Amino acid sequence: ELQRAWREGNISQRELETLDTELGHVKG
């Protein structure tokens, strides 16, 4: 479960980074 949560956390982190990139693009 911890490994799964860690993978999901990494995926969420990447999604958050993607959202931040999209937000920067939207801001532009």
mmCIF file of all heavy atoms, coordinates in Angstrom:
data_MODEL
# 
_entry.id   MODEL 
# 
loop_
_atom_site.group_PDB 
_atom_site.id 
_atom_site.type_symbol 
_atom_site.label_atom_id 
_atom_site.label_alt_id 
_atom_site.label_comp_id 
_atom_site.label_asym_id 
_atom_site.label_entity_id 
_atom_site.label_seq_id 
_atom_site.pdbx_PDB_ins_code 
_atom_site.Cartn_x 
_atom_site.Cartn_y 
_atom_site.Cartn_z 
_atom_site.occupancy 
_atom_site.B_iso_or_equiv 
_atom_site.pdbx_formal_charge 
_atom_site.auth_seq_id 
_atom_site.auth_comp_id 
_atom_site.auth_asym_id 
_atom_site.auth_atom_id 
_atom_site.pdbx_PDB_model_num 
ATOM 1   N N   . GLU A 1 1  ? 0.826  -1.210 0.000   1.00 0.00 ? 1  GLU A N   1 
ATOM 2   C CA  . GLU A 1 1  ? 0.000  0.000  0.000   1.00 0.00 ? 1  GLU A CA  1 
ATOM 3   C C   . GLU A 1 1  ? 0.860  1.260  0.000   1.00 0.00 ? 1  GLU A C   1 
ATOM 4   O O   . GLU A 1 1  ? 0.550  2.244  -0.679  1.00 0.00 ? 1  GLU A O   1 
ATOM 5   C CB  . GLU A 1 1  ? -0.919 -0.014 1.230   1.00 0.00 ? 1  GLU A CB  1 
ATOM 6   C CG  . GLU A 1 1  ? -2.035 -1.035 1.166   1.00 0.00 ? 1  GLU A CG  1 
ATOM 7   C CD  . GLU A 1 1  ? -3.039 -0.700 0.069   1.00 0.00 ? 1  GLU A CD  1 
ATOM 8   O OE1 . GLU A 1 1  ? -3.272 0.498  -0.165  1.00 0.00 ? 1  GLU A OE1 1 
ATOM 9   O OE2 . GLU A 1 1  ? -3.581 -1.641 -0.535  1.00 0.00 ? 1  GLU A OE2 1 
ATOM 10  N N   . LEU A 1 2  ? 1.962  1.212  0.757   1.00 0.00 ? 2  LEU A N   1 
ATOM 11  C CA  . LEU A 1 2  ? 2.852  2.372  0.794   1.00 0.00 ? 2  LEU A CA  1 
ATOM 12  C C   . LEU A 1 2  ? 3.496  2.616  -0.555  1.00 0.00 ? 2  LEU A C   1 
ATOM 13  O O   . LEU A 1 2  ? 3.601  3.769  -1.010  1.00 0.00 ? 2  LEU A O   1 
ATOM 14  C CB  . LEU A 1 2  ? 3.917  2.144  1.869   1.00 0.00 ? 2  LEU A CB  1 
ATOM 15  C CG  . LEU A 1 2  ? 4.907  3.289  2.095   1.00 0.00 ? 2  LEU A CG  1 
ATOM 16  C CD1 . LEU A 1 2  ? 4.167  4.540  2.546   1.00 0.00 ? 2  LEU A CD1 1 
ATOM 17  C CD2 . LEU A 1 2  ? 5.961  2.901  3.134   1.00 0.00 ? 2  LEU A CD2 1 
ATOM 18  N N   . GLN A 1 3  ? 3.929  1.539  -1.202  1.00 0.00 ? 3  GLN A N   1 
ATOM 19  C CA  . GLN A 1 3  ? 4.514  1.703  -2.536  1.00 0.00 ? 3  GLN A CA  1 
ATOM 20  C C   . GLN A 1 3  ? 3.482  2.226  -3.525  1.00 0.00 ? 3  GLN A C   1 
ATOM 21  O O   . GLN A 1 3  ? 3.799  3.088  -4.358  1.00 0.00 ? 3  GLN A O   1 
ATOM 22  C CB  . GLN A 1 3  ? 5.072  0.360  -3.011  1.00 0.00 ? 3  GLN A CB  1 
ATOM 23  C CG  . GLN A 1 3  ? 6.306  -0.106 -2.240  1.00 0.00 ? 3  GLN A CG  1 
ATOM 24  C CD  . GLN A 1 3  ? 6.809  -1.448 -2.711  1.00 0.00 ? 3  GLN A CD  1 
ATOM 25  O OE1 . GLN A 1 3  ? 6.193  -2.078 -3.589  1.00 0.00 ? 3  GLN A OE1 1 
ATOM 26  N NE2 . GLN A 1 3  ? 7.913  -1.907 -2.148  1.00 0.00 ? 3  GLN A NE2 1 
ATOM 27  N N   . ARG A 1 4  ? 2.234  1.694  -3.419  1.00 0.00 ? 4  ARG A N   1 
ATOM 28  C CA  . ARG A 1 4  ? 1.184  2.183  -4.313  1.00 0.00 ? 4  ARG A CA  1 
ATOM 29  C C   . ARG A 1 4  ? 0.905  3.665  -4.057  1.00 0.00 ? 4  ARG A C   1 
ATOM 30  O O   . ARG A 1 4  ? 0.764  4.464  -5.001  1.00 0.00 ? 4  ARG A O   1 
ATOM 31  C CB  . ARG A 1 4  ? -0.083 1.353  -4.113  1.00 0.00 ? 4  ARG A CB  1 
ATOM 32  C CG  . ARG A 1 4  ? -1.207 1.708  -5.073  1.00 0.00 ? 4  ARG A CG  1 
ATOM 33  C CD  . ARG A 1 4  ? -2.399 0.802  -4.834  1.00 0.00 ? 4  ARG A CD  1 
ATOM 34  N NE  . ARG A 1 4  ? -2.930 0.970  -3.503  1.00 0.00 ? 4  ARG A NE  1 
ATOM 35  C CZ  . ARG A 1 4  ? -3.767 1.956  -3.142  1.00 0.00 ? 4  ARG A CZ  1 
ATOM 36  N NH1 . ARG A 1 4  ? -4.141 2.864  -4.046  1.00 0.00 ? 4  ARG A NH1 1 
ATOM 37  N NH2 . ARG A 1 4  ? -4.222 2.048  -1.916  1.00 0.00 ? 4  ARG A NH2 1 
ATOM 38  N N   . ALA A 1 5  ? 0.825  4.030  -2.769  1.00 0.00 ? 5  ALA A N   1 
ATOM 39  C CA  . ALA A 1 5  ? 0.594  5.438  -2.444  1.00 0.00 ? 5  ALA A CA  1 
ATOM 40  C C   . ALA A 1 5  ? 1.755  6.313  -2.910  1.00 0.00 ? 5  ALA A C   1 
ATOM 41  O O   . ALA A 1 5  ? 1.549  7.440  -3.368  1.00 0.00 ? 5  ALA A O   1 
ATOM 42  C CB  . ALA A 1 5  ? 0.391  5.591  -0.936  1.00 0.00 ? 5  ALA A CB  1 
ATOM 43  N N   . TRP A 1 6  ? 2.979  5.745  -2.799  1.00 0.00 ? 6  TRP A N   1 
ATOM 44  C CA  . TRP A 1 6  ? 4.141  6.517  -3.255  1.00 0.00 ? 6  TRP A CA  1 
ATOM 45  C C   . TRP A 1 6  ? 4.097  6.722  -4.762  1.00 0.00 ? 6  TRP A C   1 
ATOM 46  O O   . TRP A 1 6  ? 4.383  7.820  -5.264  1.00 0.00 ? 6  TRP A O   1 
ATOM 47  C CB  . TRP A 1 6  ? 5.408  5.764  -2.853  1.00 0.00 ? 6  TRP A CB  1 
ATOM 48  C CG  . TRP A 1 6  ? 6.660  6.493  -3.201  1.00 0.00 ? 6  TRP A CG  1 
ATOM 49  C CD1 . TRP A 1 6  ? 7.185  7.593  -2.598  1.00 0.00 ? 6  TRP A CD1 1 
ATOM 50  C CD2 . TRP A 1 6  ? 7.555  6.166  -4.278  1.00 0.00 ? 6  TRP A CD2 1 
ATOM 51  N NE1 . TRP A 1 6  ? 8.353  7.981  -3.210  1.00 0.00 ? 6  TRP A NE1 1 
ATOM 52  C CE2 . TRP A 1 6  ? 8.607  7.117  -4.246  1.00 0.00 ? 6  TRP A CE2 1 
ATOM 53  C CE3 . TRP A 1 6  ? 7.578  5.173  -5.239  1.00 0.00 ? 6  TRP A CE3 1 
ATOM 54  C CZ2 . TRP A 1 6  ? 9.660  7.087  -5.156  1.00 0.00 ? 6  TRP A CZ2 1 
ATOM 55  C CZ3 . TRP A 1 6  ? 8.621  5.137  -6.147  1.00 0.00 ? 6  TRP A CZ3 1 
ATOM 56  C CH2 . TRP A 1 6  ? 9.646  6.094  -6.109  1.00 0.00 ? 6  TRP A CH2 1 
ATOM 57  N N   . ARG A 1 7  ? 3.701  5.663  -5.495  1.00 0.00 ? 7  ARG A N   1 
ATOM 58  C CA  . ARG A 1 7  ? 3.573  5.812  -6.945  1.00 0.00 ? 7  ARG A CA  1 
ATOM 59  C C   . ARG A 1 7  ? 2.468  6.808  -7.295  1.00 0.00 ? 7  ARG A C   1 
ATOM 60  O O   . ARG A 1 7  ? 2.649  7.659  -8.171  1.00 0.00 ? 7  ARG A O   1 
ATOM 61  C CB  . ARG A 1 7  ? 3.281  4.452  -7.590  1.00 0.00 ? 7  ARG A CB  1 
ATOM 62  C CG  . ARG A 1 7  ? 4.475  3.508  -7.593  1.00 0.00 ? 7  ARG A CG  1 
ATOM 63  C CD  . ARG A 1 7  ? 4.219  2.329  -8.511  1.00 0.00 ? 7  ARG A CD  1 
ATOM 64  N NE  . ARG A 1 7  ? 3.091  1.531  -8.068  1.00 0.00 ? 7  ARG A NE  1 
ATOM 65  C CZ  . ARG A 1 7  ? 3.185  0.477  -7.254  1.00 0.00 ? 7  ARG A CZ  1 
ATOM 66  N NH1 . ARG A 1 7  ? 4.382  0.121  -6.797  1.00 0.00 ? 7  ARG A NH1 1 
ATOM 67  N NH2 . ARG A 1 7  ? 2.119  -0.205 -6.912  1.00 0.00 ? 7  ARG A NH2 1 
ATOM 68  N N   . GLU A 1 8  ? 1.335  6.685  -6.574  1.00 0.00 ? 8  GLU A N   1 
ATOM 69  C CA  . GLU A 1 8  ? 0.257  7.645  -6.824  1.00 0.00 ? 8  GLU A CA  1 
ATOM 70  C C   . GLU A 1 8  ? 0.695  9.058  -6.462  1.00 0.00 ? 8  GLU A C   1 
ATOM 71  O O   . GLU A 1 8  ? 0.323  10.024 -7.144  1.00 0.00 ? 8  GLU A O   1 
ATOM 72  C CB  . GLU A 1 8  ? -0.978 7.240  -6.018  1.00 0.00 ? 8  GLU A CB  1 
ATOM 73  C CG  . GLU A 1 8  ? -1.640 5.971  -6.511  1.00 0.00 ? 8  GLU A CG  1 
ATOM 74  C CD  . GLU A 1 8  ? -2.851 5.593  -5.670  1.00 0.00 ? 8  GLU A CD  1 
ATOM 75  O OE1 . GLU A 1 8  ? -3.086 6.300  -4.662  1.00 0.00 ? 8  GLU A OE1 1 
ATOM 76  O OE2 . GLU A 1 8  ? -3.552 4.627  -6.028  1.00 0.00 ? 8  GLU A OE2 1 
ATOM 77  N N   . GLY A 1 9  ? 1.482  9.163  -5.376  1.00 0.00 ? 9  GLY A N   1 
ATOM 78  C CA  . GLY A 1 9  ? 1.991  10.486 -5.012  1.00 0.00 ? 9  GLY A CA  1 
ATOM 79  C C   . GLY A 1 9  ? 2.905  11.050 -6.088  1.00 0.00 ? 9  GLY A C   1 
ATOM 80  O O   . GLY A 1 9  ? 2.852  12.251 -6.411  1.00 0.00 ? 9  GLY A O   1 
ATOM 81  N N   . ASN A 1 10 ? 3.761  10.177 -6.661  1.00 0.00 ? 10 ASN A N   1 
ATOM 82  C CA  . ASN A 1 10 ? 4.624  10.643 -7.746  1.00 0.00 ? 10 ASN A CA  1 
ATOM 83  C C   . ASN A 1 10 ? 3.797  11.047 -8.961  1.00 0.00 ? 10 ASN A C   1 
ATOM 84  O O   . ASN A 1 10 ? 4.068  12.065 -9.621  1.00 0.00 ? 10 ASN A O   1 
ATOM 85  C CB  . ASN A 1 10 ? 5.620  9.547  -8.135  1.00 0.00 ? 10 ASN A CB  1 
ATOM 86  C CG  . ASN A 1 10 ? 6.657  9.311  -7.044  1.00 0.00 ? 10 ASN A CG  1 
ATOM 87  O OD1 . ASN A 1 10 ? 6.931  10.203 -6.243  1.00 0.00 ? 10 ASN A OD1 1 
ATOM 88  N ND2 . ASN A 1 10 ? 7.223  8.113  -7.003  1.00 0.00 ? 10 ASN A ND2 1 
ATOM 89  N N   . ILE A 1 11 ? 2.754  10.214 -9.231  1.00 0.00 ? 11 ILE A N   1 
ATOM 90  C CA  . ILE A 1 11 ? 1.886  10.566 -10.359 1.00 0.00 ? 11 ILE A CA  1 
ATOM 91  C C   . ILE A 1 11 ? 1.182  11.886 -10.083 1.00 0.00 ? 11 ILE A C   1 
ATOM 92  O O   . ILE A 1 11 ? 1.075  12.761 -10.963 1.00 0.00 ? 11 ILE A O   1 
ATOM 93  C CB  . ILE A 1 11 ? 0.881  9.429  -10.613 1.00 0.00 ? 11 ILE A CB  1 
ATOM 94  C CG1 . ILE A 1 11 ? 1.615  8.170  -11.089 1.00 0.00 ? 11 ILE A CG1 1 
ATOM 95  C CG2 . ILE A 1 11 ? -0.167 9.860  -11.628 1.00 0.00 ? 11 ILE A CG2 1 
ATOM 96  C CD1 . ILE A 1 11 ? 0.727  6.948  -11.212 1.00 0.00 ? 11 ILE A CD1 1 
ATOM 97  N N   . SER A 1 12 ? 0.694  12.064 -8.847  1.00 0.00 ? 12 SER A N   1 
ATOM 98  C CA  . SER A 1 12 ? 0.027  13.321 -8.491  1.00 0.00 ? 12 SER A CA  1 
ATOM 99  C C   . SER A 1 12 ? 0.998  14.489 -8.576  1.00 0.00 ? 12 SER A C   1 
ATOM 100 O O   . SER A 1 12 ? 0.620  15.588 -9.014  1.00 0.00 ? 12 SER A O   1 
ATOM 101 C CB  . SER A 1 12 ? -0.561 13.218 -7.087  1.00 0.00 ? 12 SER A CB  1 
ATOM 102 O OG  . SER A 1 12 ? -1.504 12.164 -7.009  1.00 0.00 ? 12 SER A OG  1 
ATOM 103 N N   . GLN A 1 13 ? 2.248  14.238 -8.179  1.00 0.00 ? 13 GLN A N   1 
ATOM 104 C CA  . GLN A 1 13 ? 3.243  15.305 -8.274  1.00 0.00 ? 13 GLN A CA  1 
ATOM 105 C C   . GLN A 1 13 ? 3.480  15.689 -9.729  1.00 0.00 ? 13 GLN A C   1 
ATOM 106 O O   . GLN A 1 13 ? 3.558  16.890 -10.068 1.00 0.00 ? 13 GLN A O   1 
ATOM 107 C CB  . GLN A 1 13 ? 4.552  14.837 -7.613  1.00 0.00 ? 13 GLN A CB  1 
ATOM 108 C CG  . GLN A 1 13 ? 5.634  15.895 -7.558  1.00 0.00 ? 13 GLN A CG  1 
ATOM 109 C CD  . GLN A 1 13 ? 5.281  17.035 -6.624  1.00 0.00 ? 13 GLN A CD  1 
ATOM 110 O OE1 . GLN A 1 13 ? 4.509  16.846 -5.684  1.00 0.00 ? 13 GLN A OE1 1 
ATOM 111 N NE2 . GLN A 1 13 ? 5.842  18.206 -6.874  1.00 0.00 ? 13 GLN A NE2 1 
ATOM 112 N N   . ARG A 1 14 ? 3.574  14.660 -10.580 1.00 0.00 ? 14 ARG A N   1 
ATOM 113 C CA  . ARG A 1 14 ? 3.770  14.969 -12.009 1.00 0.00 ? 14 ARG A CA  1 
ATOM 114 C C   . ARG A 1 14 ? 2.539  15.674 -12.576 1.00 0.00 ? 14 ARG A C   1 
ATOM 115 O O   . ARG A 1 14 ? 2.676  16.615 -13.377 1.00 0.00 ? 14 ARG A O   1 
ATOM 116 C CB  . ARG A 1 14 ? 4.043  13.669 -12.776 1.00 0.00 ? 14 ARG A CB  1 
ATOM 117 C CG  . ARG A 1 14 ? 5.415  13.074 -12.496 1.00 0.00 ? 14 ARG A CG  1 
ATOM 118 C CD  . ARG A 1 14 ? 5.747  12.010 -13.529 1.00 0.00 ? 14 ARG A CD  1 
ATOM 119 N NE  . ARG A 1 14 ? 4.883  10.851 -13.395 1.00 0.00 ? 14 ARG A NE  1 
ATOM 120 C CZ  . ARG A 1 14 ? 5.154  9.799  -12.646 1.00 0.00 ? 14 ARG A CZ  1 
ATOM 121 N NH1 . ARG A 1 14 ? 6.287  9.780  -11.932 1.00 0.00 ? 14 ARG A NH1 1 
ATOM 122 N NH2 . ARG A 1 14 ? 4.342  8.773  -12.590 1.00 0.00 ? 14 ARG A NH2 1 
ATOM 123 N N   . GLU A 1 15 ? 1.338  15.199 -12.142 1.00 0.00 ? 15 GLU A N   1 
ATOM 124 C CA  . GLU A 1 15 ? 0.130  15.882 -12.602 1.00 0.00 ? 15 GLU A CA  1 
ATOM 125 C C   . GLU A 1 15 ? 0.091  17.324 -12.105 1.00 0.00 ? 15 GLU A C   1 
ATOM 126 O O   . GLU A 1 15 ? -0.327 18.233 -12.837 1.00 0.00 ? 15 GLU A O   1 
ATOM 127 C CB  . GLU A 1 15 ? -1.107 15.120 -12.119 1.00 0.00 ? 15 GLU A CB  1 
ATOM 128 C CG  . GLU A 1 15 ? -1.298 13.775 -12.802 1.00 0.00 ? 15 GLU A CG  1 
ATOM 129 C CD  . GLU A 1 15 ? -2.504 13.039 -12.269 1.00 0.00 ? 15 GLU A CD  1 
ATOM 130 O OE1 . GLU A 1 15 ? -3.099 13.547 -11.285 1.00 0.00 ? 15 GLU A OE1 1 
ATOM 131 O OE2 . GLU A 1 15 ? -2.853 11.976 -12.817 1.00 0.00 ? 15 GLU A OE2 1 
ATOM 132 N N   . LEU A 1 16 ? 0.522  17.524 -10.861 1.00 0.00 ? 16 LEU A N   1 
ATOM 133 C CA  . LEU A 1 16 ? 0.559  18.884 -10.324 1.00 0.00 ? 16 LEU A CA  1 
ATOM 134 C C   . LEU A 1 16 ? 1.543  19.755 -11.106 1.00 0.00 ? 16 LEU A C   1 
ATOM 135 O O   . LEU A 1 16 ? 1.247  20.930 -11.400 1.00 0.00 ? 16 LEU A O   1 
ATOM 136 C CB  . LEU A 1 16 ? 0.943  18.834 -8.838  1.00 0.00 ? 16 LEU A CB  1 
ATOM 137 C CG  . LEU A 1 16 ? 0.962  20.171 -8.092  1.00 0.00 ? 16 LEU A CG  1 
ATOM 138 C CD1 . LEU A 1 16 ? -0.431 20.802 -8.114  1.00 0.00 ? 16 LEU A CD1 1 
ATOM 139 C CD2 . LEU A 1 16 ? 1.434  19.977 -6.668  1.00 0.00 ? 16 LEU A CD2 1 
ATOM 140 N N   . GLU A 1 17 ? 2.684  19.155 -11.430 1.00 0.00 ? 17 GLU A N   1 
ATOM 141 C CA  . GLU A 1 17 ? 3.647  19.910 -12.242 1.00 0.00 ? 17 GLU A CA  1 
ATOM 142 C C   . GLU A 1 17 ? 3.058  20.230 -13.609 1.00 0.00 ? 17 GLU A C   1 
ATOM 143 O O   . GLU A 1 17 ? 3.238  21.344 -14.141 1.00 0.00 ? 17 GLU A O   1 
ATOM 144 C CB  . GLU A 1 17 ? 4.941  19.105 -12.381 1.00 0.00 ? 17 GLU A CB  1 
ATOM 145 C CG  . GLU A 1 17 ? 5.714  18.955 -11.070 1.00 0.00 ? 17 GLU A CG  1 
ATOM 146 C CD  . GLU A 1 17 ? 6.944  18.078 -11.228 1.00 0.00 ? 17 GLU A CD  1 
ATOM 147 O OE1 . GLU A 1 17 ? 7.109  17.515 -12.340 1.00 0.00 ? 17 GLU A OE1 1 
ATOM 148 O OE2 . GLU A 1 17 ? 7.707  17.931 -10.259 1.00 0.00 ? 17 GLU A OE2 1 
ATOM 149 N N   . THR A 1 18 ? 2.323  19.237 -14.173 1.00 0.00 ? 18 THR A N   1 
ATOM 150 C CA  . THR A 1 18 ? 1.684  19.481 -15.471 1.00 0.00 ? 18 THR A CA  1 
ATOM 151 C C   . THR A 1 18 ? 0.636  20.582 -15.359 1.00 0.00 ? 18 THR A C   1 
ATOM 152 O O   . THR A 1 18 ? 0.541  21.472 -16.233 1.00 0.00 ? 18 THR A O   1 
ATOM 153 C CB  . THR A 1 18 ? 1.040  18.179 -15.981 1.00 0.00 ? 18 THR A CB  1 
ATOM 154 O OG1 . THR A 1 18 ? 2.037  17.156 -16.047 1.00 0.00 ? 18 THR A OG1 1 
ATOM 155 C CG2 . THR A 1 18 ? 0.441  18.379 -17.358 1.00 0.00 ? 18 THR A CG2 1 
ATOM 156 N N   . LEU A 1 19 ? -0.141 20.520 -14.263 1.00 0.00 ? 19 LEU A N   1 
ATOM 157 C CA  . LEU A 1 19 ? -1.143 21.567 -14.056 1.00 0.00 ? 19 LEU A CA  1 
ATOM 158 C C   . LEU A 1 19 ? -0.500 22.931 -13.854 1.00 0.00 ? 19 LEU A C   1 
ATOM 159 O O   . LEU A 1 19 ? -1.026 23.958 -14.339 1.00 0.00 ? 19 LEU A O   1 
ATOM 160 C CB  . LEU A 1 19 ? -2.025 21.209 -12.852 1.00 0.00 ? 19 LEU A CB  1 
ATOM 161 C CG  . LEU A 1 19 ? -2.959 20.001 -13.047 1.00 0.00 ? 19 LEU A CG  1 
ATOM 162 C CD1 . LEU A 1 19 ? -3.699 19.702 -11.733 1.00 0.00 ? 19 LEU A CD1 1 
ATOM 163 C CD2 . LEU A 1 19 ? -3.962 20.273 -14.165 1.00 0.00 ? 19 LEU A CD2 1 
ATOM 164 N N   . ASP A 1 20 ? 0.634  22.946 -13.137 1.00 0.00 ? 20 ASP A N   1 
ATOM 165 C CA  . ASP A 1 20 ? 1.338  24.220 -12.975 1.00 0.00 ? 20 ASP A CA  1 
ATOM 166 C C   . ASP A 1 20 ? 1.810  24.753 -14.324 1.00 0.00 ? 20 ASP A C   1 
ATOM 167 O O   . ASP A 1 20 ? 1.723  25.978 -14.598 1.00 0.00 ? 20 ASP A O   1 
ATOM 168 C CB  . ASP A 1 20 ? 2.536  24.036 -12.037 1.00 0.00 ? 20 ASP A CB  1 
ATOM 169 C CG  . ASP A 1 20 ? 2.092  23.802 -10.602 1.00 0.00 ? 20 ASP A CG  1 
ATOM 170 O OD1 . ASP A 1 20 ? 0.950  24.192 -10.254 1.00 0.00 ? 20 ASP A OD1 1 
ATOM 171 O OD2 . ASP A 1 20 ? 2.885  23.226 -9.821  1.00 0.00 ? 20 ASP A OD2 1 
ATOM 172 N N   . THR A 1 21 ? 2.295  23.822 -15.168 1.00 0.00 ? 21 THR A N   1 
ATOM 173 C CA  . THR A 1 21 ? 2.743  24.251 -16.504 1.00 0.00 ? 21 THR A CA  1 
ATOM 174 C C   . THR A 1 21 ? 1.564  24.787 -17.309 1.00 0.00 ? 21 THR A C   1 
ATOM 175 O O   . THR A 1 21 ? 1.663  25.847 -17.973 1.00 0.00 ? 21 THR A O   1 
ATOM 176 C CB  . THR A 1 21 ? 3.392  23.068 -17.232 1.00 0.00 ? 21 THR A CB  1 
ATOM 177 O OG1 . THR A 1 21 ? 4.465  22.553 -16.429 1.00 0.00 ? 21 THR A OG1 1 
ATOM 178 C CG2 . THR A 1 21 ? 3.948  23.508 -18.570 1.00 0.00 ? 21 THR A CG2 1 
ATOM 179 N N   . GLU A 1 22 ? 0.428  24.034 -17.246 1.00 0.00 ? 22 GLU A N   1 
ATOM 180 C CA  . GLU A 1 22 ? -0.758 24.500 -17.964 1.00 0.00 ? 22 GLU A CA  1 
ATOM 181 C C   . GLU A 1 22 ? -1.257 25.826 -17.403 1.00 0.00 ? 22 GLU A C   1 
ATOM 182 O O   . GLU A 1 22 ? -1.720 26.701 -18.156 1.00 0.00 ? 22 GLU A O   1 
ATOM 183 C CB  . GLU A 1 22 ? -1.858 23.437 -17.878 1.00 0.00 ? 22 GLU A CB  1 
ATOM 184 C CG  . GLU A 1 22 ? -1.528 22.176 -18.657 1.00 0.00 ? 22 GLU A CG  1 
ATOM 185 C CD  . GLU A 1 22 ? -2.612 21.137 -18.527 1.00 0.00 ? 22 GLU A CD  1 
ATOM 186 O OE1 . GLU A 1 22 ? -3.583 21.392 -17.768 1.00 0.00 ? 22 GLU A OE1 1 
ATOM 187 O OE2 . GLU A 1 22 ? -2.505 20.078 -19.174 1.00 0.00 ? 22 GLU A OE2 1 
ATOM 188 N N   . LEU A 1 23 ? -1.165 25.968 -16.066 1.00 0.00 ? 23 LEU A N   1 
ATOM 189 C CA  . LEU A 1 23 ? -1.597 27.232 -15.454 1.00 0.00 ? 23 LEU A CA  1 
ATOM 190 C C   . LEU A 1 23 ? -0.705 28.384 -15.921 1.00 0.00 ? 23 LEU A C   1 
ATOM 191 O O   . LEU A 1 23 ? -1.203 29.492 -16.210 1.00 0.00 ? 23 LEU A O   1 
ATOM 192 C CB  . LEU A 1 23 ? -1.549 27.105 -13.936 1.00 0.00 ? 23 LEU A CB  1 
ATOM 193 C CG  . LEU A 1 23 ? -2.003 28.328 -13.147 1.00 0.00 ? 23 LEU A CG  1 
ATOM 194 C CD1 . LEU A 1 23 ? -3.449 28.675 -13.475 1.00 0.00 ? 23 LEU A CD1 1 
ATOM 195 C CD2 . LEU A 1 23 ? -1.831 28.092 -11.649 1.00 0.00 ? 23 LEU A CD2 1 
ATOM 196 N N   . GLY A 1 24 ? 0.604  28.097 -16.005 1.00 0.00 ? 24 GLY A N   1 
ATOM 197 C CA  . GLY A 1 24 ? 1.491  29.148 -16.525 1.00 0.00 ? 24 GLY A CA  1 
ATOM 198 C C   . GLY A 1 24 ? 1.153  29.502 -17.962 1.00 0.00 ? 24 GLY A C   1 
ATOM 199 O O   . GLY A 1 24 ? 1.169  30.689 -18.350 1.00 0.00 ? 24 GLY A O   1 
ATOM 200 N N   . HIS A 1 25 ? 0.831  28.423 -18.744 1.00 0.00 ? 25 HIS A N   1 
ATOM 201 C CA  . HIS A 1 25 ? 0.443  28.685 -20.133 1.00 0.00 ? 25 HIS A CA  1 
ATOM 202 C C   . HIS A 1 25 ? -0.854 29.491 -20.193 1.00 0.00 ? 25 HIS A C   1 
ATOM 203 O O   . HIS A 1 25 ? -0.987 30.433 -21.000 1.00 0.00 ? 25 HIS A O   1 
ATOM 204 C CB  . HIS A 1 25 ? 0.279  27.351 -20.864 1.00 0.00 ? 25 HIS A CB  1 
ATOM 205 C CG  . HIS A 1 25 ? -0.157 27.489 -22.281 1.00 0.00 ? 25 HIS A CG  1 
ATOM 206 N ND1 . HIS A 1 25 ? 0.653  28.028 -23.281 1.00 0.00 ? 25 HIS A ND1 1 
ATOM 207 C CD2 . HIS A 1 25 ? -1.350 27.178 -22.887 1.00 0.00 ? 25 HIS A CD2 1 
ATOM 208 C CE1 . HIS A 1 25 ? 0.005  28.040 -24.416 1.00 0.00 ? 25 HIS A CE1 1 
ATOM 209 N NE2 . HIS A 1 25 ? -1.224 27.524 -24.216 1.00 0.00 ? 25 HIS A NE2 1 
ATOM 210 N N   . VAL A 1 26 ? -1.815 29.120 -19.328 1.00 0.00 ? 26 VAL A N   1 
ATOM 211 C CA  . VAL A 1 26 ? -3.085 29.857 -19.292 1.00 0.00 ? 26 VAL A CA  1 
ATOM 212 C C   . VAL A 1 26 ? -2.859 31.302 -18.864 1.00 0.00 ? 26 VAL A C   1 
ATOM 213 O O   . VAL A 1 26 ? -3.488 32.233 -19.386 1.00 0.00 ? 26 VAL A O   1 
ATOM 214 C CB  . VAL A 1 26 ? -4.077 29.141 -18.347 1.00 0.00 ? 26 VAL A CB  1 
ATOM 215 C CG1 . VAL A 1 26 ? -5.313 30.007 -18.107 1.00 0.00 ? 26 VAL A CG1 1 
ATOM 216 C CG2 . VAL A 1 26 ? -4.498 27.810 -18.958 1.00 0.00 ? 26 VAL A CG2 1 
ATOM 217 N N   . LYS A 1 27 ? -1.942 31.460 -17.888 1.00 0.00 ? 27 LYS A N   1 
ATOM 218 C CA  . LYS A 1 27 ? -1.633 32.837 -17.470 1.00 0.00 ? 27 LYS A CA  1 
ATOM 219 C C   . LYS A 1 27 ? -1.041 33.635 -18.622 1.00 0.00 ? 27 LYS A C   1 
ATOM 220 O O   . LYS A 1 27 ? -1.363 34.826 -18.796 1.00 0.00 ? 27 LYS A O   1 
ATOM 221 C CB  . LYS A 1 27 ? -0.651 32.801 -16.302 1.00 0.00 ? 27 LYS A CB  1 
ATOM 222 C CG  . LYS A 1 27 ? -1.288 32.371 -14.990 1.00 0.00 ? 27 LYS A CG  1 
ATOM 223 C CD  . LYS A 1 27 ? -0.256 32.399 -13.862 1.00 0.00 ? 27 LYS A CD  1 
ATOM 224 C CE  . LYS A 1 27 ? -0.897 32.014 -12.538 1.00 0.00 ? 27 LYS A CE  1 
ATOM 225 N NZ  . LYS A 1 27 ? 0.079  32.028 -11.413 1.00 0.00 ? 27 LYS A NZ  1 
ATOM 226 N N   . GLY A 1 28 ? -0.178 32.944 -19.407 1.00 0.00 ? 28 GLY A N   1 
ATOM 227 C CA  . GLY A 1 28 ? 0.383  33.647 -20.570 1.00 0.00 ? 28 GLY A CA  1 
ATOM 228 C C   . GLY A 1 28 ? -0.700 34.008 -21.573 1.00 0.00 ? 28 GLY A C   1 
ATOM 229 O O   . GLY A 1 28 ? -0.725 35.132 -22.115 1.00 0.00 ? 28 GLY A O   1 
# 
